[in-house]
Amino acid sequence: MDSLRRASGFLFYFLGVITLVLIVLSRRGIAGGLLPVIDLPLIFVGLLYGGASLYGSLTREKSSTVLAVSIFVPLAILFILFCWLNFAYSFPDLG
């Protein structure tokens, strides 16, 4: 689980920096095409990183399937809700 936390943490910070750069570039009118697309991957790796960090802090040396399911099932439901919100409502025009 530690390798999952490290990989998702790296991707979370990487996608976060890319999102901030795209926001600045879209405000200047340079690039805004990727901004509506990058939100779901950022949310996904953020939830994955948060869930893996929570699981790792609650279980130090032993593993628990029940705890993993009780952490990741609500996060999966939350991600499905974010997907529904993303596709149900259109992204506002930045121009």
N, C-alpha and C. Protein backbone atom coordinates (compact mmCIF):
# COMPACT_ATOMS: atom_id res chain seq x y z
N MET A 1 0.82 -1.19 0.00
CA MET A 1 0.00 0.00 0.00
C MET A 1 0.87 1.26 0.00
N ASP A 2 2.09 1.11 0.49
CA ASP A 2 2.97 2.28 0.53
C ASP A 2 3.37 2.72 -0.87
N SER A 3 3.58 1.78 -1.76
CA SER A 3 3.93 2.16 -3.13
C SER A 3 2.75 2.83 -3.84
N LEU A 4 1.53 2.41 -3.53
CA LEU A 4 0.34 3.06 -4.08
C LEU A 4 0.24 4.49 -3.57
N ARG A 5 0.53 4.68 -2.31
CA ARG A 5 0.48 6.03 -1.74
C ARG A 5 1.55 6.93 -2.36
N ARG A 6 2.73 6.40 -2.55
CA ARG A 6 3.81 7.20 -3.15
C ARG A 6 3.51 7.56 -4.60
N ALA A 7 3.04 6.59 -5.37
CA ALA A 7 2.75 6.84 -6.79
C ALA A 7 1.58 7.81 -6.93
N SER A 8 0.53 7.62 -6.15
CA SER A 8 -0.61 8.53 -6.26
C SER A 8 -0.26 9.91 -5.70
N GLY A 9 0.61 9.98 -4.72
CA GLY A 9 1.06 11.27 -4.22
C GLY A 9 1.84 12.04 -5.26
N PHE A 10 2.73 11.35 -5.97
CA PHE A 10 3.49 12.00 -7.03
C PHE A 10 2.55 12.51 -8.13
N LEU A 11 1.61 11.66 -8.55
CA LEU A 11 0.67 12.07 -9.60
C LEU A 11 -0.23 13.20 -9.14
N PHE A 12 -0.61 13.19 -7.86
CA PHE A 12 -1.46 14.26 -7.34
C PHE A 12 -0.74 15.60 -7.39
N TYR A 13 0.49 15.64 -6.93
CA TYR A 13 1.24 16.89 -6.96
C TYR A 13 1.55 17.32 -8.39
N PHE A 14 1.88 16.36 -9.25
CA PHE A 14 2.17 16.66 -10.65
C PHE A 14 0.94 17.24 -11.35
N LEU A 15 -0.20 16.58 -11.21
CA LEU A 15 -1.42 17.09 -11.84
C LEU A 15 -1.88 18.40 -11.21
N GLY A 16 -1.63 18.59 -9.93
CA GLY A 16 -1.98 19.86 -9.29
C GLY A 16 -1.19 21.01 -9.84
N VAL A 17 0.11 20.80 -10.06
CA VAL A 17 0.94 21.86 -10.65
C VAL A 17 0.50 22.14 -12.09
N ILE A 18 0.20 21.09 -12.84
CA ILE A 18 -0.27 21.28 -14.22
C ILE A 18 -1.59 22.05 -14.22
N THR A 19 -2.48 21.74 -13.29
CA THR A 19 -3.76 22.45 -13.21
C THR A 19 -3.54 23.93 -12.91
N LEU A 20 -2.66 24.24 -11.97
CA LEU A 20 -2.39 25.64 -11.66
C LEU A 20 -1.77 26.38 -12.85
N VAL A 21 -0.88 25.72 -13.56
CA VAL A 21 -0.28 26.34 -14.74
C VAL A 21 -1.34 26.57 -15.82
N LEU A 22 -2.24 25.60 -16.02
CA LEU A 22 -3.29 25.76 -17.01
C LEU A 22 -4.26 26.87 -16.64
N ILE A 23 -4.53 27.04 -15.35
CA ILE A 23 -5.41 28.13 -14.92
C ILE A 23 -4.77 29.47 -15.24
N VAL A 24 -3.49 29.61 -14.93
CA VAL A 24 -2.79 30.87 -15.23
C VAL A 24 -2.75 31.12 -16.74
N LEU A 25 -2.45 30.08 -17.52
CA LEU A 25 -2.40 30.25 -18.97
C LEU A 25 -3.76 30.55 -19.57
N SER A 26 -4.81 29.97 -19.02
CA SER A 26 -6.14 30.25 -19.56
C SER A 26 -6.59 31.67 -19.21
N ARG A 27 -6.17 32.20 -18.10
CA ARG A 27 -6.49 33.59 -17.75
C ARG A 27 -5.79 34.57 -18.69
N ARG A 28 -4.65 34.16 -19.22
CA ARG A 28 -3.93 35.00 -20.17
C ARG A 28 -4.36 34.74 -21.60
N GLY A 29 -5.25 33.77 -21.79
CA GLY A 29 -5.76 33.47 -23.12
C GLY A 29 -4.87 32.59 -23.96
N ILE A 30 -3.91 31.94 -23.35
CA ILE A 30 -2.96 31.13 -24.12
C ILE A 30 -3.46 29.70 -24.30
N ALA A 31 -3.79 29.03 -23.21
CA ALA A 31 -4.21 27.62 -23.30
C ALA A 31 -5.35 27.38 -22.32
N GLY A 32 -6.40 26.85 -22.80
CA GLY A 32 -7.52 26.52 -21.93
C GLY A 32 -8.19 25.22 -22.32
N GLY A 33 -7.66 24.55 -23.34
CA GLY A 33 -8.28 23.33 -23.85
C GLY A 33 -8.18 22.14 -22.92
N LEU A 34 -7.12 22.06 -22.15
CA LEU A 34 -6.94 20.91 -21.25
C LEU A 34 -7.58 21.12 -19.88
N LEU A 35 -7.96 22.32 -19.57
CA LEU A 35 -8.50 22.60 -18.24
C LEU A 35 -9.79 21.84 -17.93
N PRO A 36 -10.73 21.70 -18.86
CA PRO A 36 -11.92 20.91 -18.54
C PRO A 36 -11.65 19.41 -18.45
N VAL A 37 -10.51 18.95 -18.94
CA VAL A 37 -10.22 17.53 -19.00
C VAL A 37 -9.44 17.05 -17.78
N ILE A 38 -8.67 17.92 -17.16
CA ILE A 38 -7.73 17.50 -16.12
C ILE A 38 -8.38 17.39 -14.74
N ASP A 39 -9.62 17.81 -14.59
CA ASP A 39 -10.22 17.82 -13.26
C ASP A 39 -10.50 16.42 -12.73
N LEU A 40 -11.02 15.52 -13.56
CA LEU A 40 -11.32 14.18 -13.07
C LEU A 40 -10.08 13.36 -12.72
N PRO A 41 -9.00 13.38 -13.53
CA PRO A 41 -7.80 12.68 -13.08
C PRO A 41 -7.23 13.24 -11.78
N LEU A 42 -7.30 14.56 -11.61
CA LEU A 42 -6.81 15.16 -10.37
C LEU A 42 -7.65 14.72 -9.18
N ILE A 43 -8.96 14.69 -9.34
CA ILE A 43 -9.83 14.23 -8.26
C ILE A 43 -9.57 12.76 -7.96
N PHE A 44 -9.40 11.94 -9.01
CA PHE A 44 -9.17 10.51 -8.82
C PHE A 44 -7.90 10.24 -8.03
N VAL A 45 -6.78 10.83 -8.46
CA VAL A 45 -5.53 10.56 -7.75
C VAL A 45 -5.53 11.23 -6.37
N GLY A 46 -6.26 12.32 -6.20
CA GLY A 46 -6.38 12.93 -4.88
C GLY A 46 -7.13 12.03 -3.91
N LEU A 47 -8.23 11.45 -4.37
CA LEU A 47 -8.96 10.52 -3.52
C LEU A 47 -8.15 9.25 -3.25
N LEU A 48 -7.44 8.78 -4.25
CA LEU A 48 -6.60 7.60 -4.08
C LEU A 48 -5.47 7.87 -3.09
N TYR A 49 -4.84 9.01 -3.22
CA TYR A 49 -3.76 9.40 -2.30
C TYR A 49 -4.28 9.57 -0.88
N GLY A 50 -5.42 10.22 -0.74
CA GLY A 50 -6.00 10.41 0.59
C GLY A 50 -6.42 9.09 1.23
N GLY A 51 -7.03 8.22 0.44
CA GLY A 51 -7.44 6.91 0.96
C GLY A 51 -6.27 6.04 1.34
N ALA A 52 -5.23 6.04 0.50
CA ALA A 52 -4.04 5.23 0.81
C ALA A 52 -3.30 5.79 2.03
N SER A 53 -3.27 7.10 2.17
CA SER A 53 -2.62 7.70 3.34
C SER A 53 -3.40 7.40 4.62
N LEU A 54 -4.72 7.47 4.54
CA LEU A 54 -5.55 7.15 5.70
C LEU A 54 -5.39 5.68 6.08
N TYR A 55 -5.42 4.80 5.10
CA TYR A 55 -5.24 3.38 5.37
C TYR A 55 -3.87 3.10 5.97
N GLY A 56 -2.84 3.74 5.43
CA GLY A 56 -1.49 3.53 5.96
C GLY A 56 -1.31 4.06 7.36
N SER A 57 -2.01 5.15 7.70
CA SER A 57 -1.88 5.68 9.06
C SER A 57 -2.67 4.87 10.08
N LEU A 58 -3.72 4.20 9.64
CA LEU A 58 -4.51 3.39 10.58
C LEU A 58 -3.96 1.98 10.76
N THR A 59 -3.26 1.47 9.76
CA THR A 59 -2.65 0.14 9.86
C THR A 59 -1.16 0.28 9.64
N ARG A 60 -0.39 0.11 10.66
CA ARG A 60 1.06 0.27 10.55
C ARG A 60 1.72 -0.97 9.96
N GLU A 61 1.58 -2.12 10.60
CA GLU A 61 2.29 -3.31 10.15
C GLU A 61 1.35 -4.42 9.71
N LYS A 62 0.12 -4.35 10.09
CA LYS A 62 -0.84 -5.39 9.72
C LYS A 62 -1.77 -4.85 8.65
N SER A 63 -2.36 -5.74 7.87
CA SER A 63 -3.28 -5.32 6.83
C SER A 63 -4.69 -5.76 7.21
N SER A 64 -5.66 -4.96 6.81
CA SER A 64 -7.06 -5.24 7.14
C SER A 64 -7.91 -5.01 5.90
N THR A 65 -8.52 -6.09 5.44
CA THR A 65 -9.37 -6.00 4.26
C THR A 65 -10.63 -5.21 4.56
N VAL A 66 -11.19 -5.39 5.73
CA VAL A 66 -12.42 -4.69 6.11
C VAL A 66 -12.18 -3.18 6.16
N LEU A 67 -11.05 -2.78 6.71
CA LEU A 67 -10.73 -1.36 6.78
C LEU A 67 -10.51 -0.79 5.38
N ALA A 68 -9.82 -1.53 4.52
CA ALA A 68 -9.58 -1.06 3.16
C ALA A 68 -10.89 -0.88 2.40
N VAL A 69 -11.81 -1.81 2.56
CA VAL A 69 -13.10 -1.71 1.89
C VAL A 69 -13.90 -0.55 2.46
N SER A 70 -13.85 -0.38 3.78
CA SER A 70 -14.63 0.70 4.40
C SER A 70 -14.05 2.08 4.08
N ILE A 71 -12.81 2.15 3.64
CA ILE A 71 -12.23 3.43 3.23
C ILE A 71 -12.47 3.67 1.74
N PHE A 72 -12.20 2.68 0.91
CA PHE A 72 -12.19 2.90 -0.53
C PHE A 72 -13.57 2.84 -1.18
N VAL A 73 -14.54 2.15 -0.59
CA VAL A 73 -15.90 2.14 -1.17
C VAL A 73 -16.55 3.52 -1.08
N PRO A 74 -16.52 4.22 0.07
CA PRO A 74 -17.07 5.58 0.07
C PRO A 74 -16.31 6.54 -0.87
N LEU A 75 -15.00 6.35 -0.99
CA LEU A 75 -14.24 7.19 -1.92
C LEU A 75 -14.62 6.91 -3.37
N ALA A 76 -14.89 5.65 -3.69
CA ALA A 76 -15.34 5.30 -5.04
C ALA A 76 -16.72 5.90 -5.32
N ILE A 77 -17.60 5.88 -4.35
CA ILE A 77 -18.92 6.49 -4.51
C ILE A 77 -18.79 7.99 -4.68
N LEU A 78 -17.90 8.61 -3.93
CA LEU A 78 -17.66 10.04 -4.06
C LEU A 78 -17.10 10.38 -5.44
N PHE A 79 -16.20 9.54 -5.96
CA PHE A 79 -15.66 9.77 -7.30
C PHE A 79 -16.75 9.62 -8.36
N ILE A 80 -17.63 8.66 -8.21
CA ILE A 80 -18.74 8.49 -9.15
C ILE A 80 -19.65 9.72 -9.10
N LEU A 81 -19.87 10.28 -7.92
CA LEU A 81 -20.66 11.50 -7.80
C LEU A 81 -19.98 12.66 -8.54
N PHE A 82 -18.66 12.79 -8.39
CA PHE A 82 -17.93 13.84 -9.10
C PHE A 82 -17.98 13.64 -10.61
N CYS A 83 -17.91 12.39 -11.06
CA CYS A 83 -18.04 12.11 -12.50
C CYS A 83 -19.41 12.52 -13.00
N TRP A 84 -20.43 12.19 -12.25
CA TRP A 84 -21.79 12.57 -12.65
C TRP A 84 -21.94 14.08 -12.70
N LEU A 85 -21.42 14.77 -11.70
CA LEU A 85 -21.50 16.23 -11.71
C LEU A 85 -20.71 16.83 -12.88
N ASN A 86 -19.59 16.21 -13.22
CA ASN A 86 -18.77 16.72 -14.30
C ASN A 86 -19.47 16.58 -15.65
N PHE A 87 -20.14 15.46 -15.86
CA PHE A 87 -20.78 15.24 -17.15
C PHE A 87 -22.22 15.74 -17.20
N ALA A 88 -22.84 15.94 -16.07
CA ALA A 88 -24.22 16.43 -16.06
C ALA A 88 -24.28 17.93 -16.30
N TYR A 89 -23.29 18.64 -15.81
CA TYR A 89 -23.25 20.09 -15.98
C TYR A 89 -22.03 20.44 -16.82
N SER A 90 -22.22 21.31 -17.78
CA SER A 90 -21.12 21.63 -18.68
C SER A 90 -20.13 22.56 -17.98
N PHE A 91 -18.92 22.56 -18.48
CA PHE A 91 -17.87 23.41 -17.94
C PHE A 91 -18.13 24.85 -18.39
N PRO A 92 -18.04 25.82 -17.50
CA PRO A 92 -18.31 27.20 -17.90
C PRO A 92 -17.26 27.71 -18.88
N ASP A 93 -17.72 28.56 -19.78
CA ASP A 93 -16.82 29.13 -20.77
C ASP A 93 -15.89 30.13 -20.11
N LEU A 94 -14.60 29.98 -20.34
CA LEU A 94 -13.61 30.84 -19.71
C LEU A 94 -13.36 32.13 -20.50
N GLY A 95 -13.82 32.16 -21.71
CA GLY A 95 -13.53 33.30 -22.55
C GLY A 95 -14.41 34.44 -22.30
